[in-house]
């Protein structure tokens, strides 16, 4: 059995989501595969998502669950409304596997920054004092990571540092500080 993920943004976000999902599964002693795809700007377009989903299911016939991670981009209520509407439309298509939409408040970097210890291991310093407790109040978490890395003379690069932070991250630590990650965790674990 495999879980399929659709993420928005550049392909660079696929490894981070895949790593975090595998860690969640491992923490619950669940053995499932994880496959991630980039949905580009189509995540709220039900017709295009239907095509993406059917293609994914043709390639990976063992997929039993699909999770679509959408960034709220500083507007969670609008993104949530669009996600629910798209979920309803996709359910009406009678797909073999209907996806569950999970809101990422505000972007994937908010999940990554929620584990200061993991960020510190990548930066090479103790960084907890630089990361606010309420990361869902940080509209542009990538800017926060840019600032933290800059304090230590480094440039934050999503493609390079995102997967490294995810590799060191503790899903429990992220879930403790980020409710949208908790929702993603529940979607991963839920049969």
N, C-alpha and C. Protein backbone atom coordinates (compact mmCIF):
# COMPACT_ATOMS: atom_id res chain seq x y z
N UNK A 1 0.83 -1.18 0.00
CA UNK A 1 0.00 0.00 0.00
C UNK A 1 0.88 1.24 0.00
N UNK A 2 0.44 2.23 -0.77
CA UNK A 2 1.22 3.45 -0.94
C UNK A 2 0.32 4.66 -0.77
N UNK A 3 0.90 5.74 -0.24
CA UNK A 3 0.21 7.02 -0.14
C UNK A 3 0.76 7.92 -1.23
N UNK A 4 -0.13 8.52 -1.99
CA UNK A 4 0.26 9.48 -3.01
C UNK A 4 0.08 10.89 -2.47
N UNK A 5 1.04 11.74 -2.74
CA UNK A 5 0.97 13.14 -2.33
C UNK A 5 1.02 14.02 -3.57
N UNK A 6 0.26 15.08 -3.54
CA UNK A 6 0.42 16.16 -4.51
C UNK A 6 0.80 17.39 -3.71
N UNK A 7 1.83 18.09 -4.17
CA UNK A 7 2.27 19.32 -3.52
C UNK A 7 2.34 20.41 -4.58
N UNK A 8 2.26 21.65 -4.12
CA UNK A 8 2.42 22.74 -5.07
C UNK A 8 3.84 23.27 -4.96
N UNK A 9 4.13 24.20 -5.80
CA UNK A 9 5.47 24.77 -5.75
C UNK A 9 6.44 23.97 -6.59
N UNK A 10 7.71 24.28 -6.42
CA UNK A 10 8.73 23.62 -7.23
C UNK A 10 8.91 22.15 -6.83
N UNK A 11 9.52 21.41 -7.70
CA UNK A 11 9.80 20.00 -7.41
C UNK A 11 10.63 19.83 -6.15
N UNK A 12 11.27 20.92 -5.72
CA UNK A 12 12.13 20.85 -4.54
C UNK A 12 11.35 20.51 -3.29
N UNK A 13 10.02 20.71 -3.28
CA UNK A 13 9.23 20.41 -2.09
C UNK A 13 8.89 18.93 -1.98
N UNK A 14 8.98 18.19 -3.07
CA UNK A 14 8.65 16.76 -3.03
C UNK A 14 9.51 15.98 -2.05
N UNK A 15 10.83 16.14 -2.05
CA UNK A 15 11.62 15.35 -1.10
C UNK A 15 11.27 15.65 0.35
N UNK A 16 11.04 16.91 0.70
CA UNK A 16 10.74 17.26 2.09
C UNK A 16 9.44 16.62 2.54
N UNK A 17 8.40 16.69 1.73
CA UNK A 17 7.11 16.08 2.07
C UNK A 17 7.27 14.56 2.19
N UNK A 18 7.99 13.96 1.26
CA UNK A 18 8.20 12.52 1.28
C UNK A 18 8.93 12.09 2.56
N UNK A 19 9.97 12.82 2.92
CA UNK A 19 10.74 12.49 4.13
C UNK A 19 9.86 12.62 5.36
N UNK A 20 9.12 13.72 5.47
CA UNK A 20 8.26 13.92 6.64
C UNK A 20 7.18 12.84 6.72
N UNK A 21 6.57 12.49 5.59
CA UNK A 21 5.53 11.45 5.58
C UNK A 21 6.10 10.10 6.02
N UNK A 22 7.27 9.75 5.52
CA UNK A 22 7.90 8.49 5.92
C UNK A 22 8.20 8.47 7.42
N UNK A 23 8.65 9.61 7.95
CA UNK A 23 8.94 9.68 9.38
C UNK A 23 7.67 9.51 10.21
N UNK A 24 6.57 10.10 9.76
CA UNK A 24 5.29 9.94 10.47
C UNK A 24 4.90 8.46 10.46
N UNK A 25 5.01 7.82 9.32
CA UNK A 25 4.66 6.39 9.22
C UNK A 25 5.56 5.55 10.12
N UNK A 26 6.87 5.83 10.10
CA UNK A 26 7.80 5.08 10.94
C UNK A 26 7.49 5.25 12.42
N UNK A 27 7.09 6.46 12.82
CA UNK A 27 6.80 6.72 14.23
C UNK A 27 5.60 5.92 14.71
N UNK A 28 4.76 5.50 13.79
CA UNK A 28 3.58 4.68 14.12
C UNK A 28 3.77 3.23 13.71
N UNK A 29 5.00 2.86 13.36
CA UNK A 29 5.34 1.50 12.90
C UNK A 29 4.45 1.05 11.75
N UNK A 30 4.14 1.97 10.86
CA UNK A 30 3.33 1.65 9.69
C UNK A 30 4.24 1.54 8.48
N UNK A 31 4.03 0.51 7.70
CA UNK A 31 4.84 0.30 6.51
C UNK A 31 4.00 0.59 5.28
N UNK A 32 4.26 1.72 4.69
CA UNK A 32 3.58 2.12 3.46
C UNK A 32 4.58 2.88 2.61
N UNK A 33 4.41 2.80 1.34
CA UNK A 33 5.24 3.59 0.45
C UNK A 33 4.70 5.01 0.36
N UNK A 34 5.54 5.92 -0.11
CA UNK A 34 5.13 7.31 -0.29
C UNK A 34 5.61 7.77 -1.66
N UNK A 35 4.69 8.34 -2.42
CA UNK A 35 5.01 8.87 -3.74
C UNK A 35 4.53 10.31 -3.77
N UNK A 36 5.37 11.24 -4.20
CA UNK A 36 4.98 12.64 -4.27
C UNK A 36 5.04 13.13 -5.70
N UNK A 37 4.08 13.96 -6.06
CA UNK A 37 4.02 14.59 -7.38
C UNK A 37 3.77 16.08 -7.20
N UNK A 38 4.22 16.87 -8.14
CA UNK A 38 3.96 18.30 -8.10
C UNK A 38 2.72 18.57 -8.93
N UNK A 39 1.74 19.21 -8.30
CA UNK A 39 0.50 19.54 -9.00
C UNK A 39 0.55 20.89 -9.67
N UNK A 40 1.64 21.62 -9.45
CA UNK A 40 1.76 22.94 -10.04
C UNK A 40 0.63 23.84 -9.59
N UNK A 41 0.11 24.63 -10.49
CA UNK A 41 -0.99 25.53 -10.16
C UNK A 41 -2.35 24.89 -10.31
N UNK A 42 -2.39 23.57 -10.46
CA UNK A 42 -3.65 22.87 -10.74
C UNK A 42 -4.35 22.31 -9.50
N UNK A 43 -3.84 22.50 -8.33
CA UNK A 43 -4.37 21.82 -7.16
C UNK A 43 -5.81 22.18 -6.84
N UNK A 44 -6.26 23.36 -7.24
CA UNK A 44 -7.65 23.76 -7.00
C UNK A 44 -8.51 23.62 -8.26
N UNK A 45 -7.96 23.06 -9.31
CA UNK A 45 -8.70 22.85 -10.55
C UNK A 45 -9.12 21.38 -10.59
N UNK A 46 -10.38 21.11 -10.27
CA UNK A 46 -10.86 19.72 -10.14
C UNK A 46 -10.69 18.93 -11.43
N UNK A 47 -10.95 19.53 -12.57
CA UNK A 47 -10.82 18.81 -13.84
C UNK A 47 -9.37 18.38 -14.09
N UNK A 48 -8.45 19.29 -13.86
CA UNK A 48 -7.03 18.97 -14.06
C UNK A 48 -6.54 17.98 -13.01
N UNK A 49 -7.00 18.15 -11.77
CA UNK A 49 -6.59 17.21 -10.72
C UNK A 49 -7.12 15.81 -11.00
N UNK A 50 -8.29 15.71 -11.58
CA UNK A 50 -8.83 14.40 -11.96
C UNK A 50 -7.85 13.69 -12.91
N UNK A 51 -7.34 14.43 -13.87
CA UNK A 51 -6.38 13.86 -14.83
C UNK A 51 -5.09 13.47 -14.10
N UNK A 52 -4.57 14.37 -13.24
CA UNK A 52 -3.34 14.08 -12.48
C UNK A 52 -3.52 12.83 -11.61
N UNK A 53 -4.67 12.75 -10.94
CA UNK A 53 -4.94 11.62 -10.04
C UNK A 53 -5.04 10.32 -10.82
N UNK A 54 -5.79 10.33 -11.90
CA UNK A 54 -5.93 9.11 -12.71
C UNK A 54 -4.59 8.66 -13.28
N UNK A 55 -3.76 9.62 -13.68
CA UNK A 55 -2.42 9.28 -14.18
C UNK A 55 -1.58 8.65 -13.06
N UNK A 56 -1.60 9.26 -11.89
CA UNK A 56 -0.85 8.72 -10.75
C UNK A 56 -1.32 7.31 -10.41
N UNK A 57 -2.63 7.10 -10.41
CA UNK A 57 -3.17 5.78 -10.08
C UNK A 57 -2.85 4.74 -11.15
N UNK A 58 -2.71 5.16 -12.38
CA UNK A 58 -2.31 4.22 -13.44
C UNK A 58 -0.86 3.79 -13.27
N UNK A 59 -0.01 4.75 -12.87
CA UNK A 59 1.41 4.47 -12.70
C UNK A 59 1.67 3.68 -11.42
N UNK A 60 0.96 4.05 -10.35
CA UNK A 60 1.16 3.43 -9.04
C UNK A 60 -0.16 2.79 -8.61
N UNK A 61 -0.39 1.58 -9.05
CA UNK A 61 -1.67 0.92 -8.81
C UNK A 61 -1.89 0.51 -7.36
N UNK A 62 -0.83 0.58 -6.54
CA UNK A 62 -0.97 0.20 -5.14
C UNK A 62 -1.34 1.39 -4.24
N UNK A 63 -1.58 2.56 -4.82
CA UNK A 63 -1.96 3.72 -4.01
C UNK A 63 -3.36 3.53 -3.45
N UNK A 64 -3.47 3.68 -2.14
CA UNK A 64 -4.76 3.53 -1.47
C UNK A 64 -5.24 4.84 -0.85
N UNK A 65 -4.38 5.85 -0.85
CA UNK A 65 -4.73 7.13 -0.26
C UNK A 65 -3.97 8.22 -1.00
N UNK A 66 -4.66 9.35 -1.21
CA UNK A 66 -4.02 10.50 -1.84
C UNK A 66 -4.24 11.72 -0.94
N UNK A 67 -3.15 12.42 -0.67
CA UNK A 67 -3.20 13.64 0.14
C UNK A 67 -2.67 14.78 -0.72
N UNK A 68 -3.44 15.85 -0.76
CA UNK A 68 -3.05 17.03 -1.53
C UNK A 68 -2.70 18.12 -0.52
N UNK A 69 -1.44 18.53 -0.51
CA UNK A 69 -0.97 19.56 0.42
C UNK A 69 -0.95 20.91 -0.30
N UNK A 70 -1.80 21.82 0.17
CA UNK A 70 -1.88 23.14 -0.46
C UNK A 70 -1.44 24.22 0.53
N UNK A 71 -0.59 25.11 0.05
CA UNK A 71 -0.15 26.23 0.87
C UNK A 71 -1.28 27.25 0.98
N UNK A 72 -1.44 27.81 2.18
CA UNK A 72 -2.48 28.83 2.36
C UNK A 72 -2.00 30.20 1.93
N UNK A 73 -0.70 30.37 1.77
CA UNK A 73 -0.14 31.63 1.27
C UNK A 73 -0.77 32.86 1.92
N UNK A 74 -0.72 32.92 3.23
CA UNK A 74 -1.17 34.07 4.02
C UNK A 74 -2.68 34.27 4.03
N UNK A 75 -3.44 33.35 3.47
CA UNK A 75 -4.89 33.48 3.47
C UNK A 75 -5.55 32.12 3.72
N UNK A 76 -5.44 31.59 4.95
CA UNK A 76 -5.95 30.25 5.25
C UNK A 76 -7.44 30.07 4.98
N UNK A 77 -8.27 31.07 5.29
CA UNK A 77 -9.71 30.88 5.12
C UNK A 77 -10.08 30.74 3.65
N UNK A 78 -9.45 31.51 2.78
CA UNK A 78 -9.73 31.39 1.35
C UNK A 78 -9.24 30.03 0.83
N UNK A 79 -8.04 29.65 1.20
CA UNK A 79 -7.49 28.37 0.74
C UNK A 79 -8.32 27.20 1.24
N UNK A 80 -8.80 27.28 2.48
CA UNK A 80 -9.63 26.21 3.02
C UNK A 80 -10.94 26.08 2.25
N UNK A 81 -11.55 27.21 1.92
CA UNK A 81 -12.79 27.17 1.14
C UNK A 81 -12.57 26.57 -0.24
N UNK A 82 -11.49 26.95 -0.88
CA UNK A 82 -11.17 26.40 -2.20
C UNK A 82 -10.87 24.91 -2.13
N UNK A 83 -10.17 24.50 -1.06
CA UNK A 83 -9.84 23.08 -0.89
C UNK A 83 -11.10 22.25 -0.70
N UNK A 84 -12.01 22.71 0.14
CA UNK A 84 -13.25 21.97 0.38
C UNK A 84 -14.08 21.88 -0.89
N UNK A 85 -14.16 22.96 -1.63
CA UNK A 85 -14.90 22.96 -2.89
C UNK A 85 -14.30 21.97 -3.88
N UNK A 86 -12.98 21.97 -3.99
CA UNK A 86 -12.31 21.06 -4.92
C UNK A 86 -12.49 19.61 -4.48
N UNK A 87 -12.41 19.35 -3.17
CA UNK A 87 -12.65 17.99 -2.65
C UNK A 87 -14.04 17.50 -3.04
N UNK A 88 -15.04 18.36 -2.87
CA UNK A 88 -16.42 17.98 -3.23
C UNK A 88 -16.54 17.66 -4.72
N UNK A 89 -15.93 18.51 -5.55
CA UNK A 89 -15.98 18.26 -6.99
C UNK A 89 -15.30 16.94 -7.34
N UNK A 90 -14.15 16.69 -6.75
CA UNK A 90 -13.43 15.45 -7.05
C UNK A 90 -14.22 14.23 -6.55
N UNK A 91 -14.89 14.35 -5.43
CA UNK A 91 -15.72 13.25 -4.92
C UNK A 91 -16.84 12.93 -5.90
N UNK A 92 -17.36 13.94 -6.57
CA UNK A 92 -18.46 13.72 -7.52
C UNK A 92 -17.99 12.98 -8.78
N UNK A 93 -16.69 12.96 -9.04
CA UNK A 93 -16.16 12.27 -10.22
C UNK A 93 -16.05 10.76 -10.02
N UNK A 94 -16.27 10.29 -8.82
CA UNK A 94 -16.20 8.86 -8.49
C UNK A 94 -14.85 8.25 -8.88
N UNK A 95 -13.82 8.92 -8.44
CA UNK A 95 -12.46 8.42 -8.67
C UNK A 95 -12.23 7.17 -7.83
N UNK A 96 -11.29 6.34 -8.27
CA UNK A 96 -10.94 5.15 -7.51
C UNK A 96 -10.47 5.53 -6.10
N UNK A 97 -9.71 6.61 -6.01
CA UNK A 97 -9.22 7.12 -4.73
C UNK A 97 -9.47 8.62 -4.71
N UNK A 98 -10.33 9.06 -3.81
CA UNK A 98 -10.65 10.48 -3.70
C UNK A 98 -9.63 11.12 -2.76
N UNK A 99 -9.00 12.20 -3.18
CA UNK A 99 -7.96 12.80 -2.35
C UNK A 99 -8.53 13.56 -1.16
N UNK A 100 -7.67 13.66 -0.15
CA UNK A 100 -7.97 14.50 1.01
C UNK A 100 -7.05 15.71 0.94
N UNK A 101 -7.64 16.87 1.01
CA UNK A 101 -6.86 18.10 0.98
C UNK A 101 -6.42 18.48 2.39
N UNK A 102 -5.14 18.86 2.52
CA UNK A 102 -4.58 19.30 3.78
C UNK A 102 -3.98 20.69 3.55
N UNK A 103 -4.40 21.63 4.37
CA UNK A 103 -3.89 22.99 4.28
C UNK A 103 -2.53 23.08 4.97
N UNK A 104 -1.55 23.64 4.28
CA UNK A 104 -0.24 23.90 4.86
C UNK A 104 -0.21 25.39 5.21
N UNK A 105 -0.25 25.69 6.50
CA UNK A 105 -0.31 27.10 6.92
C UNK A 105 1.11 27.55 7.20
N UNK A 106 1.58 28.44 6.51
CA UNK A 106 1.28 29.17 5.31
C UNK A 106 2.02 28.56 4.14
N UNK A 107 3.07 27.86 4.47
CA UNK A 107 3.89 27.18 3.46
C UNK A 107 4.70 26.09 4.15
N UNK A 108 5.25 25.19 3.36
CA UNK A 108 6.01 24.05 3.88
C UNK A 108 7.13 24.48 4.83
N UNK A 109 7.72 25.63 4.59
CA UNK A 109 8.81 26.09 5.45
C UNK A 109 8.34 26.31 6.89
N UNK A 110 7.05 26.56 7.08
CA UNK A 110 6.50 26.68 8.43
C UNK A 110 6.57 25.36 9.17
N UNK A 111 6.38 24.26 8.45
CA UNK A 111 6.52 22.94 9.06
C UNK A 111 7.99 22.69 9.41
N UNK A 112 8.87 23.02 8.48
CA UNK A 112 10.29 22.76 8.70
C UNK A 112 10.84 23.60 9.86
N UNK A 113 10.42 24.85 9.94
CA UNK A 113 10.91 25.74 11.00
C UNK A 113 10.36 25.35 12.37
N UNK A 114 9.32 24.53 12.41
CA UNK A 114 8.69 24.15 13.68
C UNK A 114 9.57 23.23 14.52
N UNK A 115 10.66 22.73 13.96
CA UNK A 115 11.61 21.94 14.74
C UNK A 115 12.94 22.69 14.77
N UNK A 116 13.09 23.61 15.75
CA UNK A 116 14.31 24.42 15.82
C UNK A 116 15.59 23.60 15.92
N UNK A 117 15.49 22.44 16.57
CA UNK A 117 16.68 21.59 16.70
C UNK A 117 17.14 21.10 15.32
N UNK A 118 16.20 20.72 14.47
CA UNK A 118 16.54 20.26 13.12
C UNK A 118 17.13 21.41 12.30
N UNK A 119 16.53 22.60 12.43
CA UNK A 119 17.07 23.77 11.72
C UNK A 119 18.49 24.04 12.22
N UNK A 120 18.69 23.95 13.53
CA UNK A 120 20.01 24.18 14.11
C UNK A 120 21.06 23.20 13.60
N UNK A 121 20.67 21.96 13.41
CA UNK A 121 21.63 20.97 12.90
C UNK A 121 22.08 21.31 11.49
N UNK A 122 21.17 21.87 10.69
CA UNK A 122 21.52 22.23 9.31
C UNK A 122 22.34 23.53 9.30
N UNK A 123 21.98 24.48 10.15
CA UNK A 123 22.69 25.75 10.21
C UNK A 123 24.04 25.58 10.92
N UNK A 124 24.08 24.64 11.86
CA UNK A 124 25.31 24.43 12.63
C UNK A 124 25.36 25.31 13.87
N UNK A 125 24.17 25.63 14.42
CA UNK A 125 24.12 26.49 15.61
C UNK A 125 22.83 26.21 16.37
N UNK A 126 22.78 26.72 17.58
CA UNK A 126 21.58 26.60 18.41
C UNK A 126 20.63 27.74 18.04
N UNK A 127 19.48 27.46 17.41
CA UNK A 127 18.63 28.52 16.88
C UNK A 127 17.26 28.71 17.55
N UNK A 128 16.88 27.97 18.57
CA UNK A 128 15.51 28.09 19.08
C UNK A 128 15.06 29.51 19.41
N UNK A 129 15.94 30.36 19.90
CA UNK A 129 15.53 31.71 20.27
C UNK A 129 15.11 32.54 19.05
N UNK A 130 15.48 32.14 17.87
CA UNK A 130 15.15 32.89 16.66
C UNK A 130 13.82 32.45 16.03
N UNK A 131 13.22 31.39 16.56
CA UNK A 131 12.00 30.85 15.95
C UNK A 131 10.83 31.10 16.89
N UNK A 132 9.82 31.85 16.42
CA UNK A 132 8.67 32.12 17.27
C UNK A 132 7.89 30.84 17.59
N UNK A 133 7.24 30.84 18.75
CA UNK A 133 6.45 29.67 19.15
C UNK A 133 5.28 29.45 18.19
N UNK A 134 4.61 30.55 17.78
CA UNK A 134 3.46 30.46 16.91
C UNK A 134 3.88 30.66 15.46
N UNK A 135 4.25 29.58 14.81
CA UNK A 135 4.69 29.69 13.42
C UNK A 135 3.54 29.91 12.45
N UNK A 136 2.34 29.57 12.86
CA UNK A 136 1.20 29.82 11.97
C UNK A 136 0.87 31.30 11.90
N UNK A 137 1.49 32.09 12.78
CA UNK A 137 1.36 33.54 12.72
C UNK A 137 2.41 34.18 11.82
N UNK A 138 3.32 33.36 11.30
CA UNK A 138 4.37 33.85 10.41
C UNK A 138 3.92 33.60 8.97
N UNK A 139 3.51 34.67 8.31
CA UNK A 139 2.92 34.54 6.98
C UNK A 139 3.91 34.01 5.94
N UNK A 140 5.15 34.39 6.04
CA UNK A 140 6.17 33.98 5.07
C UNK A 140 7.29 33.22 5.79
N UNK A 141 7.05 31.94 6.10
CA UNK A 141 8.07 31.19 6.85
C UNK A 141 9.39 31.01 6.11
N UNK A 142 9.37 31.07 4.79
CA UNK A 142 10.64 30.99 4.05
C UNK A 142 11.50 32.20 4.37
N UNK A 143 10.86 33.37 4.55
CA UNK A 143 11.62 34.57 4.93
C UNK A 143 12.25 34.40 6.31
N UNK A 144 11.52 33.76 7.22
CA UNK A 144 12.05 33.49 8.55
C UNK A 144 13.30 32.61 8.45
N UNK A 145 13.22 31.54 7.66
CA UNK A 145 14.40 30.66 7.50
C UNK A 145 15.54 31.41 6.81
N UNK A 146 15.21 32.29 5.84
CA UNK A 146 16.24 33.13 5.22
C UNK A 146 16.97 33.95 6.27
N UNK A 147 16.21 34.56 7.19
CA UNK A 147 16.80 35.41 8.23
C UNK A 147 17.66 34.59 9.19
N UNK A 148 17.16 33.43 9.57
CA UNK A 148 17.93 32.58 10.50
C UNK A 148 19.24 32.13 9.86
N UNK A 149 19.16 31.67 8.64
CA UNK A 149 20.38 31.22 7.95
C UNK A 149 21.35 32.38 7.79
N UNK A 150 20.82 33.57 7.45
CA UNK A 150 21.68 34.75 7.26
C UNK A 150 22.42 35.12 8.54
N UNK A 151 21.77 34.93 9.71
CA UNK A 151 22.43 35.24 10.98
C UNK A 151 23.69 34.40 11.18
N UNK A 152 23.74 33.27 10.50
CA UNK A 152 24.89 32.37 10.63
C UNK A 152 25.73 32.33 9.35
N UNK A 153 25.55 33.38 8.53
CA UNK A 153 26.38 33.53 7.33
C UNK A 153 26.05 32.56 6.21
N UNK A 154 24.82 32.08 6.17
CA UNK A 154 24.43 31.12 5.13
C UNK A 154 23.20 31.62 4.39
N UNK A 155 23.01 31.10 3.19
CA UNK A 155 21.80 31.39 2.41
C UNK A 155 20.89 30.17 2.48
N UNK A 156 19.62 30.38 2.82
CA UNK A 156 18.65 29.28 2.84
C UNK A 156 18.24 28.96 1.41
N UNK A 157 18.42 27.70 1.04
CA UNK A 157 18.01 27.23 -0.29
C UNK A 157 17.04 26.07 -0.10
N UNK A 158 15.81 26.27 -0.56
CA UNK A 158 14.76 25.24 -0.38
C UNK A 158 15.23 23.88 -0.87
N UNK A 159 15.78 23.87 -2.07
CA UNK A 159 16.14 22.59 -2.69
C UNK A 159 17.22 21.85 -1.92
N UNK A 160 18.12 22.58 -1.31
CA UNK A 160 19.21 21.97 -0.57
C UNK A 160 18.87 21.77 0.90
N UNK A 161 18.36 22.81 1.54
CA UNK A 161 18.18 22.78 2.99
C UNK A 161 16.85 22.19 3.44
N UNK A 162 15.81 22.31 2.62
CA UNK A 162 14.50 21.75 3.00
C UNK A 162 14.58 20.26 3.32
N UNK A 163 15.10 19.46 2.39
CA UNK A 163 15.21 18.02 2.67
C UNK A 163 16.16 17.71 3.84
N UNK A 164 17.20 18.51 4.02
CA UNK A 164 18.11 18.28 5.16
C UNK A 164 17.39 18.52 6.48
N UNK A 165 16.64 19.63 6.56
CA UNK A 165 15.89 19.91 7.78
C UNK A 165 14.87 18.80 8.02
N UNK A 166 14.16 18.40 6.96
CA UNK A 166 13.16 17.32 7.09
C UNK A 166 13.82 16.04 7.58
N UNK A 167 15.04 15.77 7.10
CA UNK A 167 15.75 14.57 7.52
C UNK A 167 16.09 14.55 9.01
N UNK A 168 16.36 15.71 9.58
CA UNK A 168 16.65 15.81 11.01
C UNK A 168 15.39 16.00 11.86
N UNK A 169 14.31 16.40 11.22
CA UNK A 169 13.10 16.81 11.94
C UNK A 169 12.45 15.66 12.70
N UNK A 170 11.83 16.02 13.80
CA UNK A 170 11.03 15.11 14.61
C UNK A 170 9.56 15.47 14.37
N UNK A 171 8.77 14.58 13.75
CA UNK A 171 7.37 14.90 13.48
C UNK A 171 6.59 15.33 14.73
N UNK A 172 6.92 14.76 15.87
CA UNK A 172 6.22 15.14 17.11
C UNK A 172 6.52 16.59 17.47
N UNK A 173 7.76 17.03 17.26
CA UNK A 173 8.13 18.42 17.54
C UNK A 173 7.40 19.37 16.60
N UNK A 174 7.30 18.99 15.34
CA UNK A 174 6.59 19.83 14.37
C UNK A 174 5.11 19.89 14.73
N UNK A 175 4.52 18.76 15.02
CA UNK A 175 3.09 18.70 15.35
C UNK A 175 2.78 19.51 16.60
N UNK A 176 3.70 19.55 17.53
CA UNK A 176 3.50 20.29 18.78
C UNK A 176 3.32 21.79 18.51
N UNK A 177 3.99 22.29 17.47
CA UNK A 177 3.98 23.74 17.20
C UNK A 177 3.17 24.12 15.97
N UNK A 178 2.59 23.14 15.28
CA UNK A 178 1.94 23.47 14.02
C UNK A 178 0.70 22.61 13.80
N UNK A 179 -0.47 23.21 13.92
CA UNK A 179 -1.73 22.45 13.79
C UNK A 179 -1.96 21.91 12.39
N UNK A 180 -1.48 22.62 11.36
CA UNK A 180 -1.70 22.10 10.01
C UNK A 180 -0.86 20.85 9.78
N UNK A 181 0.31 20.76 10.41
CA UNK A 181 1.09 19.53 10.30
C UNK A 181 0.38 18.39 11.03
N UNK A 182 -0.23 18.70 12.18
CA UNK A 182 -1.00 17.67 12.90
C UNK A 182 -2.11 17.12 12.00
N UNK A 183 -2.76 18.00 11.25
CA UNK A 183 -3.82 17.54 10.33
C UNK A 183 -3.24 16.65 9.24
N UNK A 184 -2.07 16.98 8.76
CA UNK A 184 -1.42 16.14 7.75
C UNK A 184 -1.04 14.80 8.35
N UNK A 185 -0.52 14.82 9.58
CA UNK A 185 -0.17 13.58 10.28
C UNK A 185 -1.41 12.67 10.40
N UNK A 186 -2.52 13.27 10.80
CA UNK A 186 -3.77 12.50 10.92
C UNK A 186 -4.18 11.92 9.58
N UNK A 187 -4.05 12.70 8.52
CA UNK A 187 -4.42 12.20 7.20
C UNK A 187 -3.52 11.04 6.77
N UNK A 188 -2.24 11.10 7.13
CA UNK A 188 -1.30 10.03 6.79
C UNK A 188 -1.65 8.75 7.56
N UNK A 189 -1.92 8.89 8.83
CA UNK A 189 -2.14 7.73 9.71
C UNK A 189 -3.53 7.14 9.54
N UNK A 190 -4.52 7.99 9.31
CA UNK A 190 -5.90 7.53 9.21
C UNK A 190 -6.06 6.47 8.12
N UNK A 191 -6.68 5.34 8.48
CA UNK A 191 -6.83 4.29 7.46
C UNK A 191 -7.79 4.74 6.41
